[in-house]
PDB file of N, CA and C in Angstrom:
ATOM      1  N   MET A   1      16.119  13.340  -2.312  1.00  0.00           N
ATOM      2  CA  MET A   1      15.945  12.366  -1.257  1.00  0.00           C
ATOM      3  C   MET A   1      15.185  11.160  -1.788  1.00  0.00           C
ATOM      4  N   ALA A   2      15.589   9.997  -1.372  1.00  0.00           N
ATOM      5  CA  ALA A   2      14.933   8.753  -1.766  1.00  0.00           C
ATOM      6  C   ALA A   2      14.170   8.192  -0.568  1.00  0.00           C
ATOM      7  N   HIS A   3      13.132   7.440  -0.854  1.00  0.00           N
ATOM      8  CA  HIS A   3      12.295   6.842   0.183  1.00  0.00           C
ATOM      9  C   HIS A   3      12.399   5.325   0.111  1.00  0.00           C
ATOM     10  N   PHE A   4      12.490   4.698   1.270  1.00  0.00           N
ATOM     11  CA  PHE A   4      12.569   3.246   1.357  1.00  0.00           C
ATOM     12  C   PHE A   4      11.575   2.750   2.401  1.00  0.00           C
ATOM     13  N   ALA A   5      10.883   1.662   2.039  1.00  0.00           N
ATOM     14  CA  ALA A   5       9.902   1.056   2.935  1.00  0.00           C
ATOM     15  C   ALA A   5      10.502  -0.193   3.560  1.00  0.00           C
ATOM     16  N   GLU A   6      10.344  -0.316   4.878  1.00  0.00           N
ATOM     17  CA  GLU A   6      10.775  -1.536   5.555  1.00  0.00           C
ATOM     18  C   GLU A   6       9.611  -2.519   5.536  1.00  0.00           C
ATOM     19  N   ILE A   7       9.898  -3.755   5.129  1.00  0.00           N
ATOM     20  CA  ILE A   7       8.850  -4.776   5.119  1.00  0.00           C
ATOM     21  C   ILE A   7       9.200  -5.885   6.103  1.00  0.00           C
ATOM     22  N   ASP A   8       8.164  -6.527   6.642  1.00  0.00           N
ATOM     23  CA  ASP A   8       8.375  -7.643   7.571  1.00  0.00           C
ATOM     24  C   ASP A   8       8.407  -8.964   6.801  1.00  0.00           C
ATOM     25  N   GLU A   9       8.426 -10.083   7.523  1.00  0.00           N
ATOM     26  CA  GLU A   9       8.530 -11.404   6.886  1.00  0.00           C
ATOM     27  C   GLU A   9       7.306 -11.757   6.047  1.00  0.00           C
ATOM     28  N   ASN A  10       6.189 -11.033   6.245  1.00  0.00           N
ATOM     29  CA  ASN A  10       4.977 -11.239   5.442  1.00  0.00           C
ATOM     30  C   ASN A  10       4.834 -10.199   4.337  1.00  0.00           C
ATOM     31  N   ASN A  11       5.893  -9.416   4.115  1.00  0.00           N
ATOM     32  CA  ASN A  11       5.933  -8.353   3.104  1.00  0.00           C
ATOM     33  C   ASN A  11       4.991  -7.192   3.400  1.00  0.00           C
ATOM     34  N   LYS A  12       4.666  -7.014   4.653  1.00  0.00           N
ATOM     35  CA  LYS A  12       3.831  -5.887   5.080  1.00  0.00           C
ATOM     36  C   LYS A  12       4.739  -4.708   5.421  1.00  0.00           C
ATOM     37  N   VAL A  13       4.365  -3.511   4.957  1.00  0.00           N
ATOM     38  CA  VAL A  13       5.170  -2.320   5.205  1.00  0.00           C
ATOM     39  C   VAL A  13       5.044  -1.884   6.667  1.00  0.00           C
ATOM     40  N   LEU A  14       6.191  -1.758   7.320  1.00  0.00           N
ATOM     41  CA  LEU A  14       6.241  -1.347   8.721  1.00  0.00           C
ATOM     42  C   LEU A  14       6.439   0.159   8.879  1.00  0.00           C
ATOM     43  N   ARG A  15       7.279   0.723   7.992  1.00  0.00           N
ATOM     44  CA  ARG A  15       7.569   2.156   8.034  1.00  0.00           C
ATOM     45  C   ARG A  15       8.251   2.555   6.738  1.00  0.00           C
ATOM     46  N   VAL A  16       8.263   3.863   6.492  1.00  0.00           N
ATOM     47  CA  VAL A  16       8.931   4.410   5.306  1.00  0.00           C
ATOM     48  C   VAL A  16       9.861   5.518   5.785  1.00  0.00           C
ATOM     49  N   LEU A  17      11.123   5.443   5.361  1.00  0.00           N
ATOM     50  CA  LEU A  17      12.121   6.435   5.772  1.00  0.00           C
ATOM     51  C   LEU A  17      12.776   7.076   4.556  1.00  0.00           C
ATOM     52  N   VAL A  18      13.335   8.238   4.776  1.00  0.00           N
ATOM     53  CA  VAL A  18      14.044   8.983   3.743  1.00  0.00           C
ATOM     54  C   VAL A  18      15.538   8.751   3.928  1.00  0.00           C
ATOM     55  N   VAL A  19      16.229   8.563   2.805  1.00  0.00           N
ATOM     56  CA  VAL A  19      17.689   8.444   2.865  1.00  0.00           C
ATOM     57  C   VAL A  19      18.306   9.586   2.069  1.00  0.00           C
ATOM     58  N   PRO A  20      19.505  10.012   2.436  1.00  0.00           N
ATOM     59  CA  PRO A  20      20.176  11.094   1.700  1.00  0.00           C
ATOM     60  C   PRO A  20      20.413  10.696   0.243  1.00  0.00           C
ATOM     61  N   ASP A  21      20.478  11.684  -0.617  1.00  0.00           N
ATOM     62  CA  ASP A  21      20.656  11.457  -2.056  1.00  0.00           C
ATOM     63  C   ASP A  21      21.841  10.549  -2.381  1.00  0.00           C
ATOM     64  N   GLU A  22      22.924  10.707  -1.651  1.00  0.00           N
ATOM     65  CA  GLU A  22      24.124   9.922  -1.971  1.00  0.00           C
ATOM     66  C   GLU A  22      23.958   8.421  -1.715  1.00  0.00           C
ATOM     67  N   TYR A  23      22.888   8.032  -1.000  1.00  0.00           N
ATOM     68  CA  TYR A  23      22.638   6.613  -0.727  1.00  0.00           C
ATOM     69  C   TYR A  23      21.405   6.092  -1.470  1.00  0.00           C
ATOM     70  N   GLU A  24      20.898   6.877  -2.399  1.00  0.00           N
ATOM     71  CA  GLU A  24      19.683   6.511  -3.131  1.00  0.00           C
ATOM     72  C   GLU A  24      19.788   5.149  -3.825  1.00  0.00           C
ATOM     73  N   ASN A  25      20.954   4.837  -4.380  1.00  0.00           N
ATOM     74  CA  ASN A  25      21.123   3.583  -5.110  1.00  0.00           C
ATOM     75  C   ASN A  25      21.411   2.382  -4.226  1.00  0.00           C
ATOM     76  N   ASP A  26      21.671   2.607  -2.950  1.00  0.00           N
ATOM     77  CA  ASP A  26      21.944   1.497  -2.037  1.00  0.00           C
ATOM     78  C   ASP A  26      21.308   1.764  -0.669  1.00  0.00           C
ATOM     79  N   GLY A  27      20.049   2.155  -0.689  1.00  0.00           N
ATOM     80  CA  GLY A  27      19.334   2.458   0.548  1.00  0.00           C
ATOM     81  C   GLY A  27      19.196   1.273   1.478  1.00  0.00           C
ATOM     82  N   GLN A  28      19.073   0.055   0.917  1.00  0.00           N
ATOM     83  CA  GLN A  28      18.970  -1.155   1.740  1.00  0.00           C
ATOM     84  C   GLN A  28      20.188  -1.277   2.652  1.00  0.00           C
ATOM     85  N   THR A  29      21.373  -1.177   2.075  1.00  0.00           N
ATOM     86  CA  THR A  29      22.604  -1.290   2.855  1.00  0.00           C
ATOM     87  C   THR A  29      22.747  -0.117   3.823  1.00  0.00           C
ATOM     88  N   TYR A  30      22.445   1.078   3.347  1.00  0.00           N
ATOM     89  CA  TYR A  30      22.558   2.264   4.194  1.00  0.00           C
ATOM     90  C   TYR A  30      21.692   2.130   5.453  1.00  0.00           C
ATOM     91  N   LEU A  31      20.428   1.775   5.270  1.00  0.00           N
ATOM     92  CA  LEU A  31      19.517   1.692   6.415  1.00  0.00           C
ATOM     93  C   LEU A  31      19.784   0.473   7.294  1.00  0.00           C
ATOM     94  N   ALA A  32      19.990  -0.674   6.660  1.00  0.00           N
ATOM     95  CA  ALA A  32      20.160  -1.917   7.428  1.00  0.00           C
ATOM     96  C   ALA A  32      21.512  -2.001   8.126  1.00  0.00           C
ATOM     97  N   GLU A  33      22.575  -1.596   7.429  1.00  0.00           N
ATOM     98  CA  GLU A  33      23.913  -1.789   7.972  1.00  0.00           C
ATOM     99  C   GLU A  33      24.573  -0.503   8.466  1.00  0.00           C
ATOM    100  N   THR A  34      24.624   0.519   7.619  1.00  0.00           N
ATOM    101  CA  THR A  34      25.310   1.757   8.000  1.00  0.00           C
ATOM    102  C   THR A  34      24.624   2.407   9.195  1.00  0.00           C
ATOM    103  N   ILE A  35      23.334   2.554   9.124  1.00  0.00           N
ATOM    104  CA  ILE A  35      22.574   3.147  10.229  1.00  0.00           C
ATOM    105  C   ILE A  35      22.325   2.115  11.332  1.00  0.00           C
ATOM    106  N   GLY A  36      22.290   0.836  10.944  1.00  0.00           N
ATOM    107  CA  GLY A  36      22.124  -0.239  11.927  1.00  0.00           C
ATOM    108  C   GLY A  36      20.690  -0.596  12.255  1.00  0.00           C
ATOM    109  N   LEU A  37      19.763  -0.340  11.327  1.00  0.00           N
ATOM    110  CA  LEU A  37      18.358  -0.642  11.589  1.00  0.00           C
ATOM    111  C   LEU A  37      17.983  -2.085  11.272  1.00  0.00           C
ATOM    112  N   GLY A  38      18.836  -2.776  10.510  1.00  0.00           N
ATOM    113  CA  GLY A  38      18.501  -4.135  10.103  1.00  0.00           C
ATOM    114  C   GLY A  38      17.288  -4.125   9.178  1.00  0.00           C
ATOM    115  N   GLY A  39      16.694  -5.277   8.967  1.00  0.00           N
ATOM    116  CA  GLY A  39      15.469  -5.374   8.193  1.00  0.00           C
ATOM    117  C   GLY A  39      15.681  -5.401   6.693  1.00  0.00           C
ATOM    118  N   THR A  40      14.566  -5.460   5.994  1.00  0.00           N
ATOM    119  CA  THR A  40      14.551  -5.465   4.539  1.00  0.00           C
ATOM    120  C   THR A  40      13.893  -4.183   4.067  1.00  0.00           C
ATOM    121  N   TRP A  41      14.583  -3.467   3.180  1.00  0.00           N
ATOM    122  CA  TRP A  41      14.136  -2.159   2.722  1.00  0.00           C
ATOM    123  C   TRP A  41      13.958  -2.172   1.210  1.00  0.00           C
ATOM    124  N   ILE A  42      12.816  -1.652   0.740  1.00  0.00           N
ATOM    125  CA  ILE A  42      12.490  -1.606  -0.682  1.00  0.00           C
ATOM    126  C   ILE A  42      12.261  -0.144  -1.073  1.00  0.00           C
ATOM    127  N   LYS A  43      12.853   0.266  -2.182  1.00  0.00           N
ATOM    128  CA  LYS A  43      12.705   1.647  -2.636  1.00  0.00           C
ATOM    129  C   LYS A  43      11.271   1.920  -3.089  1.00  0.00           C
ATOM    130  N   THR A  44      10.772   3.111  -2.783  1.00  0.00           N
ATOM    131  CA  THR A  44       9.436   3.550  -3.181  1.00  0.00           C
ATOM    132  C   THR A  44       9.523   5.011  -3.604  1.00  0.00           C
ATOM    133  N   SER A  45       8.477   5.535  -4.234  1.00  0.00           N
ATOM    134  CA  SER A  45       8.515   6.935  -4.651  1.00  0.00           C
ATOM    135  C   SER A  45       7.130   7.563  -4.589  1.00  0.00           C
ATOM    136  N   TYR A  46       7.104   8.864  -4.301  1.00  0.00           N
ATOM    137  CA  TYR A  46       5.838   9.596  -4.193  1.00  0.00           C
ATOM    138  C   TYR A  46       5.029   9.570  -5.482  1.00  0.00           C
ATOM    139  N   ASN A  47       5.690   9.589  -6.618  1.00  0.00           N
ATOM    140  CA  ASN A  47       4.962   9.667  -7.887  1.00  0.00           C
ATOM    141  C   ASN A  47       4.480   8.308  -8.399  1.00  0.00           C
ATOM    142  N   GLY A  48       4.768   7.232  -7.692  1.00  0.00           N
ATOM    143  CA  GLY A  48       4.300   5.908  -8.082  1.00  0.00           C
ATOM    144  C   GLY A  48       5.030   5.298  -9.269  1.00  0.00           C
ATOM    145  N   LYS A  49       6.113   5.913  -9.706  1.00  0.00           N
ATOM    146  CA  LYS A  49       6.862   5.383 -10.852  1.00  0.00           C
ATOM    147  C   LYS A  49       7.735   4.191 -10.464  1.00  0.00           C
ATOM    148  N   ILE A  50       7.929   4.000  -9.177  1.00  0.00           N
ATOM    149  CA  ILE A  50       8.705   2.870  -8.685  1.00  0.00           C
ATOM    150  C   ILE A  50       7.782   1.968  -7.870  1.00  0.00           C
ATOM    151  N   LYS A  51       7.678   0.724  -8.259  1.00  0.00           N
ATOM    152  CA  LYS A  51       6.915  -0.290  -7.515  1.00  0.00           C
ATOM    153  C   LYS A  51       5.412   0.001  -7.447  1.00  0.00           C
ATOM    154  N   ASN A  52       4.842   0.579  -8.482  1.00  0.00           N
ATOM    155  CA  ASN A  52       3.405   0.804  -8.645  1.00  0.00           C
ATOM    156  C   ASN A  52       2.866   2.022  -7.903  1.00  0.00           C
ATOM    157  N   LYS A  53       3.177   2.164  -6.635  1.00  0.00           N
ATOM    158  CA  LYS A  53       2.696   3.314  -5.863  1.00  0.00           C
ATOM    159  C   LYS A  53       3.575   3.538  -4.650  1.00  0.00           C
ATOM    160  N   TYR A  54       3.412   4.716  -4.065  1.00  0.00           N
ATOM    161  CA  TYR A  54       4.171   5.041  -2.858  1.00  0.00           C
ATOM    162  C   TYR A  54       3.713   4.137  -1.720  1.00  0.00           C
ATOM    163  N   ALA A  55       4.650   3.502  -1.055  1.00  0.00           N
ATOM    164  CA  ALA A  55       4.324   2.578   0.026  1.00  0.00           C
ATOM    165  C   ALA A  55       3.835   3.335   1.259  1.00  0.00           C
ATOM    166  N   GLY A  56       2.858   2.779   1.914  1.00  0.00           N
ATOM    167  CA  GLY A  56       2.356   3.331   3.166  1.00  0.00           C
ATOM    168  C   GLY A  56       2.371   2.242   4.224  1.00  0.00           C
ATOM    169  N   VAL A  57       2.376   2.637   5.472  1.00  0.00           N
ATOM    170  CA  VAL A  57       2.347   1.659   6.558  1.00  0.00           C
ATOM    171  C   VAL A  57       1.102   0.787   6.390  1.00  0.00           C
ATOM    172  N   GLY A  58       1.307  -0.521   6.460  1.00  0.00           N
ATOM    173  CA  GLY A  58       0.208  -1.466   6.299  1.00  0.00           C
ATOM    174  C   GLY A  58       0.037  -1.977   4.877  1.00  0.00           C
ATOM    175  N   TYR A  59       0.663  -1.312   3.903  1.00  0.00           N
ATOM    176  CA  TYR A  59       0.599  -1.788   2.516  1.00  0.00           C
ATOM    177  C   TYR A  59       1.347  -3.114   2.422  1.00  0.00           C
ATOM    178  N   LEU A  60       1.175  -3.799   1.311  1.00  0.00           N
ATOM    179  CA  LEU A  60       1.860  -5.056   1.064  1.00  0.00           C
ATOM    180  C   LEU A  60       2.803  -4.898  -0.125  1.00  0.00           C
ATOM    181  N   TYR A  61       3.913  -5.620  -0.072  1.00  0.00           N
ATOM    182  CA  TYR A  61       4.832  -5.652  -1.200  1.00  0.00           C
ATOM    183  C   TYR A  61       4.695  -7.010  -1.865  1.00  0.00           C
ATOM    184  N   ASP A  62       4.314  -7.023  -3.135  1.00  0.00           N
ATOM    185  CA  ASP A  62       4.177  -8.254  -3.904  1.00  0.00           C
ATOM    186  C   ASP A  62       5.471  -8.464  -4.685  1.00  0.00           C
ATOM    187  N   GLU A  63       6.235  -9.478  -4.282  1.00  0.00           N
ATOM    188  CA  GLU A  63       7.536  -9.739  -4.919  1.00  0.00           C
ATOM    189  C   GLU A  63       7.379 -10.130  -6.377  1.00  0.00           C
ATOM    190  N   ASP A  64       6.380 -10.941  -6.700  1.00  0.00           N
ATOM    191  CA  ASP A  64       6.186 -11.395  -8.077  1.00  0.00           C
ATOM    192  C   ASP A  64       5.882 -10.232  -9.015  1.00  0.00           C
ATOM    193  N   LEU A  65       5.059  -9.289  -8.551  1.00  0.00           N
ATOM    194  CA  LEU A  65       4.704  -8.128  -9.369  1.00  0.00           C
ATOM    195  C   LEU A  65       5.682  -6.971  -9.179  1.00  0.00           C
ATOM    196  N   ASP A  66       6.569  -7.098  -8.182  1.00  0.00           N
ATOM    197  CA  ASP A  66       7.516  -6.044  -7.819  1.00  0.00           C
ATOM    198  C   ASP A  66       6.776  -4.719  -7.628  1.00  0.00           C
ATOM    199  N   ALA A  67       5.731  -4.784  -6.765  1.00  0.00           N
ATOM    200  CA  ALA A  67       4.861  -3.623  -6.585  1.00  0.00           C
ATOM    201  C   ALA A  67       4.293  -3.562  -5.172  1.00  0.00           C
ATOM    202  N   PHE A  68       4.037  -2.330  -4.728  1.00  0.00           N
ATOM    203  CA  PHE A  68       3.320  -2.122  -3.472  1.00  0.00           C
ATOM    204  C   PHE A  68       1.835  -2.032  -3.790  1.00  0.00           C
ATOM    205  N   ILE A  69       1.013  -2.629  -2.937  1.00  0.00           N
ATOM    206  CA  ILE A  69      -0.436  -2.534  -3.080  1.00  0.00           C
ATOM    207  C   ILE A  69      -1.026  -2.120  -1.738  1.00  0.00           C
ATOM    208  N   ILE A  70      -2.194  -1.477  -1.781  1.00  0.00           N
ATOM    209  CA  ILE A  70      -2.810  -1.041  -0.525  1.00  0.00           C
ATOM    210  C   ILE A  70      -3.175  -2.252   0.323  1.00  0.00           C
ATOM    211  N   ALA A  71      -3.321  -2.035   1.608  1.00  0.00           N
ATOM    212  CA  ALA A  71      -3.712  -3.104   2.515  1.00  0.00           C
ATOM    213  C   ALA A  71      -5.115  -3.583   2.165  1.00  0.00           C
ATOM    214  N   LYS A  72      -5.397  -4.826   2.457  1.00  0.00           N
ATOM    215  CA  LYS A  72      -6.708  -5.407   2.192  1.00  0.00           C
ATOM    216  C   LYS A  72      -7.768  -4.594   2.935  1.00  0.00           C
ATOM    217  N   PRO A  73      -8.731  -4.013   2.203  1.00  0.00           N
ATOM    218  CA  PRO A  73      -9.697  -3.129   2.854  1.00  0.00           C
ATOM    219  C   PRO A  73     -10.705  -3.850   3.750  1.00  0.00           C
ATOM    220  N   TYR A  74     -11.090  -5.064   3.365  1.00  0.00           N
ATOM    221  CA  TYR A  74     -12.065  -5.854   4.135  1.00  0.00           C
ATOM    222  C   TYR A  74     -11.673  -7.323   4.060  1.00  0.00           C
ATOM    223  N   ASP A  75     -12.004  -8.079   5.089  1.00  0.00           N
ATOM    224  CA  ASP A  75     -11.659  -9.500   5.124  1.00  0.00           C
ATOM    225  C   ASP A  75     -12.254 -10.283   3.959  1.00  0.00           C
ATOM    226  N   SER A  76     -13.424  -9.893   3.499  1.00  0.00           N
ATOM    227  CA  SER A  76     -14.110 -10.642   2.445  1.00  0.00           C
ATOM    228  C   SER A  76     -13.570 -10.365   1.040  1.00  0.00           C
ATOM    229  N   TRP A  77     -12.771  -9.344   0.865  1.00  0.00           N
ATOM    230  CA  TRP A  77     -12.269  -8.987  -0.460  1.00  0.00           C
ATOM    231  C   TRP A  77     -11.093  -9.892  -0.843  1.00  0.00           C
ATOM    232  N   VAL A  78     -10.902 -10.082  -2.156  1.00  0.00           N
ATOM    233  CA  VAL A  78      -9.830 -10.927  -2.662  1.00  0.00           C
ATOM    234  C   VAL A  78      -8.932 -10.122  -3.596  1.00  0.00           C
ATOM    235  N   ARG A  79      -7.683 -10.566  -3.710  1.00  0.00           N
ATOM    236  CA  ARG A  79      -6.724  -9.886  -4.595  1.00  0.00           C
ATOM    237  C   ARG A  79      -7.186  -9.942  -6.031  1.00  0.00           C
ATOM    238  N   ASP A  80      -6.968  -8.846  -6.743  1.00  0.00           N
ATOM    239  CA  ASP A  80      -7.290  -8.743  -8.159  1.00  0.00           C
ATOM    240  C   ASP A  80      -6.171  -7.931  -8.807  1.00  0.00           C
ATOM    241  N   GLY A  81      -5.092  -8.605  -9.190  1.00  0.00           N
ATOM    242  CA  GLY A  81      -3.944  -7.901  -9.759  1.00  0.00           C
ATOM    243  C   GLY A  81      -3.273  -7.018  -8.728  1.00  0.00           C
ATOM    244  N   LEU A  82      -3.273  -5.705  -8.980  1.00  0.00           N
ATOM    245  CA  LEU A  82      -2.650  -4.751  -8.067  1.00  0.00           C
ATOM    246  C   LEU A  82      -3.643  -4.145  -7.093  1.00  0.00           C
ATOM    247  N   GLY A  83      -4.824  -4.710  -7.002  1.00  0.00           N
ATOM    248  CA  GLY A  83      -5.841  -4.169  -6.107  1.00  0.00           C
ATOM    249  C   GLY A  83      -6.651  -5.270  -5.443  1.00  0.00           C
ATOM    250  N   TRP A  84      -7.827  -4.886  -4.994  1.00  0.00           N
ATOM    251  CA  TRP A  84      -8.719  -5.791  -4.273  1.00  0.00           C
ATOM    252  C   TRP A  84     -10.106  -5.740  -4.896  1.00  0.00           C
ATOM    253  N   LYS A  85     -10.832  -6.849  -4.807  1.00  0.00           N
ATOM    254  CA  LYS A  85     -12.154  -6.953  -5.409  1.00  0.00           C
ATOM    255  C   LYS A  85     -13.163  -7.408  -4.362  1.00  0.00           C
ATOM    256  N   ALA A  86     -14.300  -6.712  -4.322  1.00  0.00           N
ATOM    257  CA  ALA A  86     -15.382  -7.079  -3.401  1.00  0.00           C
ATOM    258  C   ALA A  86     -16.072  -8.347  -3.876  1.00  0.00           C
ATOM    259  N   PRO A  87     -16.749  -9.056  -2.966  1.00  0.00           N
ATOM    260  CA  PRO A  87     -17.459 -10.273  -3.367  1.00  0.00           C
ATOM    261  C   PRO A  87     -18.591 -10.010  -4.357  1.00  0.00           C
ATOM    262  N   LYS A  88     -19.092  -8.775  -4.369  1.00  0.00           N
ATOM    263  CA  LYS A  88     -20.161  -8.384  -5.284  1.00  0.00           C
ATOM    264  C   LYS A  88     -19.724  -7.120  -6.019  1.00  0.00           C
ATOM    265  N   PRO A  89     -20.078  -6.987  -7.302  1.00  0.00           N
ATOM    266  CA  PRO A  89     -19.699  -5.776  -8.044  1.00  0.00           C
ATOM    267  C   PRO A  89     -20.343  -4.518  -7.453  1.00  0.00           C
ATOM    268  N   GLN A  90     -19.621  -3.425  -7.469  1.00  0.00           N
ATOM    269  CA  GLN A  90     -20.139  -2.148  -6.978  1.00  0.00           C
ATOM    270  C   GLN A  90     -21.190  -1.631  -7.964  1.00  0.00           C
ATOM    271  N   PRO A  91     -22.421  -1.352  -7.493  1.00  0.00           N
ATOM    272  CA  PRO A  91     -23.483  -0.943  -8.407  1.00  0.00           C
ATOM    273  C   PRO A  91     -23.289   0.431  -9.041  1.00  0.00           C
ATOM    274  N   ALA A  92     -22.687   1.353  -8.330  1.00  0.00           N
ATOM    275  CA  ALA A  92     -22.476   2.698  -8.855  1.00  0.00           C
ATOM    276  C   ALA A  92     -21.351   3.362  -8.067  1.00  0.00           C
ATOM    277  N   GLN A  93     -20.894   4.495  -8.554  1.00  0.00           N
ATOM    278  CA  GLN A  93     -19.778   5.221  -7.951  1.00  0.00           C
ATOM    279  C   GLN A  93     -20.054   5.623  -6.504  1.00  0.00           C
ATOM    280  N   ASN A  94     -21.268   5.977  -6.170  1.00  0.00           N
ATOM    281  CA  ASN A  94     -21.574   6.513  -4.838  1.00  0.00           C
ATOM    282  C   ASN A  94     -22.031   5.441  -3.848  1.00  0.00           C
ATOM    283  N   TYR A  95     -21.577   4.206  -4.035  1.00  0.00           N
ATOM    284  CA  TYR A  95     -21.897   3.131  -3.108  1.00  0.00           C
ATOM    285  C   TYR A  95     -20.662   2.764  -2.298  1.00  0.00           C
ATOM    286  N   LEU A  96     -20.869   2.415  -1.040  1.00  0.00           N
ATOM    287  CA  LEU A  96     -19.789   2.008  -0.139  1.00  0.00           C
ATOM    288  C   LEU A  96     -20.049   0.585   0.343  1.00  0.00           C
ATOM    289  N   TRP A  97     -18.988  -0.132   0.690  1.00  0.00           N
ATOM    290  CA  TRP A  97     -19.098  -1.519   1.120  1.00  0.00           C
ATOM    291  C   TRP A  97     -19.381  -1.611   2.616  1.00  0.00           C
ATOM    292  N   ASN A  98     -20.304  -2.523   2.991  1.00  0.00           N
ATOM    293  CA  ASN A  98     -20.604  -2.824   4.392  1.00  0.00           C
ATOM    294  C   ASN A  98     -20.157  -4.258   4.634  1.00  0.00           C
ATOM    295  N   GLU A  99     -19.082  -4.428   5.377  1.00  0.00           N
ATOM    296  CA  GLU A  99     -18.520  -5.755   5.614  1.00  0.00           C
ATOM    297  C   GLU A  99     -19.469  -6.634   6.415  1.00  0.00           C
ATOM    298  N   GLU A 100     -20.204  -6.043   7.341  1.00  0.00           N
ATOM    299  CA  GLU A 100     -21.113  -6.823   8.196  1.00  0.00           C
ATOM    300  C   GLU A 100     -22.241  -7.476   7.394  1.00  0.00           C
ATOM    301  N   THR A 101     -22.824  -6.718   6.473  1.00  0.00           N
ATOM    302  CA  THR A 101     -23.932  -7.248   5.673  1.00  0.00           C
ATOM    303  C   THR A 101     -23.456  -7.868   4.363  1.00  0.00           C
ATOM    304  N   GLN A 102     -22.167  -7.694   4.065  1.00  0.00           N
ATOM    305  CA  GLN A 102     -21.588  -8.191   2.814  1.00  0.00           C
ATOM    306  C   GLN A 102     -22.328  -7.635   1.601  1.00  0.00           C
ATOM    307  N   ASN A 103     -22.620  -6.333   1.664  1.00  0.00           N
ATOM    308  CA  ASN A 103     -23.363  -5.705   0.586  1.00  0.00           C
ATOM    309  C   ASN A 103     -22.968  -4.237   0.448  1.00  0.00           C
ATOM    310  N   TRP A 104     -23.330  -3.654  -0.681  1.00  0.00           N
ATOM    311  CA  TRP A 104     -23.096  -2.243  -0.955  1.00  0.00           C
ATOM    312  C   TRP A 104     -24.275  -1.423  -0.468  1.00  0.00           C
ATOM    313  N   TYR A 105     -24.032  -0.208  -0.020  1.00  0.00           N
ATOM    314  CA  TYR A 105     -25.108   0.710   0.347  1.00  0.00           C
ATOM    315  C   TYR A 105     -24.814   2.073  -0.267  1.00  0.00           C
ATOM    316  N   GLU A 106     -25.878   2.801  -0.532  1.00  0.00           N
ATOM    317  CA  GLU A 106     -25.719   4.098  -1.182  1.00  0.00           C
ATOM    318  C   GLU A 106     -25.224   5.131  -0.185  1.00  0.00           C
ATOM    319  N   SER A 107     -24.200   5.856  -0.583  1.00  0.00           N
ATOM    320  CA  SER A 107     -23.642   6.906   0.240  1.00  0.00           C
ATOM    321  C   SER A 107     -24.353   8.212  -0.072  1.00  0.00           C
ATOM    322  N   ILE A 108     -24.752   8.934   0.959  1.00  0.00           N
ATOM    323  CA  ILE A 108     -25.430  10.211   0.762  1.00  0.00           C
ATOM    324  C   ILE A 108     -24.421  11.325   0.955  1.00  0.00           C
ATOM    325  N   ASP A 109     -24.251  12.124  -0.068  1.00  0.00           N
ATOM    326  CA  ASP A 109     -23.346  13.276  -0.008  1.00  0.00           C
ATOM    327  C   ASP A 109     -24.055  14.381   0.755  1.00  0.00           C
ATOM    328  N   GLU A 110     -23.453  14.865   1.844  1.00  0.00           N
ATOM    329  CA  GLU A 110     -24.087  15.892   2.681  1.00  0.00           C
ATOM    330  C   GLU A 110     -24.408  17.154   1.895  1.00  0.00           C
ATOM    331  N   ASP A 111     -23.608  17.465   0.880  1.00  0.00           N
ATOM    332  CA  ASP A 111     -23.858  18.664   0.080  1.00  0.00           C
ATOM    333  C   ASP A 111     -25.095  18.531  -0.791  1.00  0.00           C
ATOM    334  N   GLN A 112     -25.527  17.293  -1.060  1.00  0.00           N
ATOM    335  CA  GLN A 112     -26.679  17.072  -1.925  1.00  0.00           C
ATOM    336  C   GLN A 112     -27.957  16.781  -1.148  1.00  0.00           C
ATOM    337  N   SER A 113     -27.870  16.612   0.164  1.00  0.00           N
ATOM    338  CA  SER A 113     -29.068  16.302   0.945  1.00  0.00           C
ATOM    339  C   SER A 113     -29.958  17.530   1.077  1.00  0.00           C
ATOM    340  N   VAL A 114     -31.252  17.297   1.206  1.00  0.00           N
ATOM    341  CA  VAL A 114     -32.225  18.394   1.288  1.00  0.00           C
ATOM    342  C   VAL A 114     -32.707  18.555   2.709  1.00  0.00           C
TER     343      VAL A 114
END
């Protein structure tokens, strides 16, 4: 089975559907015309070997890079190749971003708390 992501006019993924094996090479036509769903469909795969990663609802399709990228995690972050970059570097692995304060804060692992 092959997977195809429908994208809107802003290249945002709306949904991902499975097509039968016999239509794997022409899923765009199968979904848009044969089934009658219309739209623009881009092939994706669970293993990330096609278009960088498996497309998810809300992801973006970058035509220039021919790749799916995750949705922008925070308004303040900017594109950095196939990902996103915070306005400030992450100080360590166990820090999380706070969009309101525009800063990183240390995450406490419940298993390590005393």
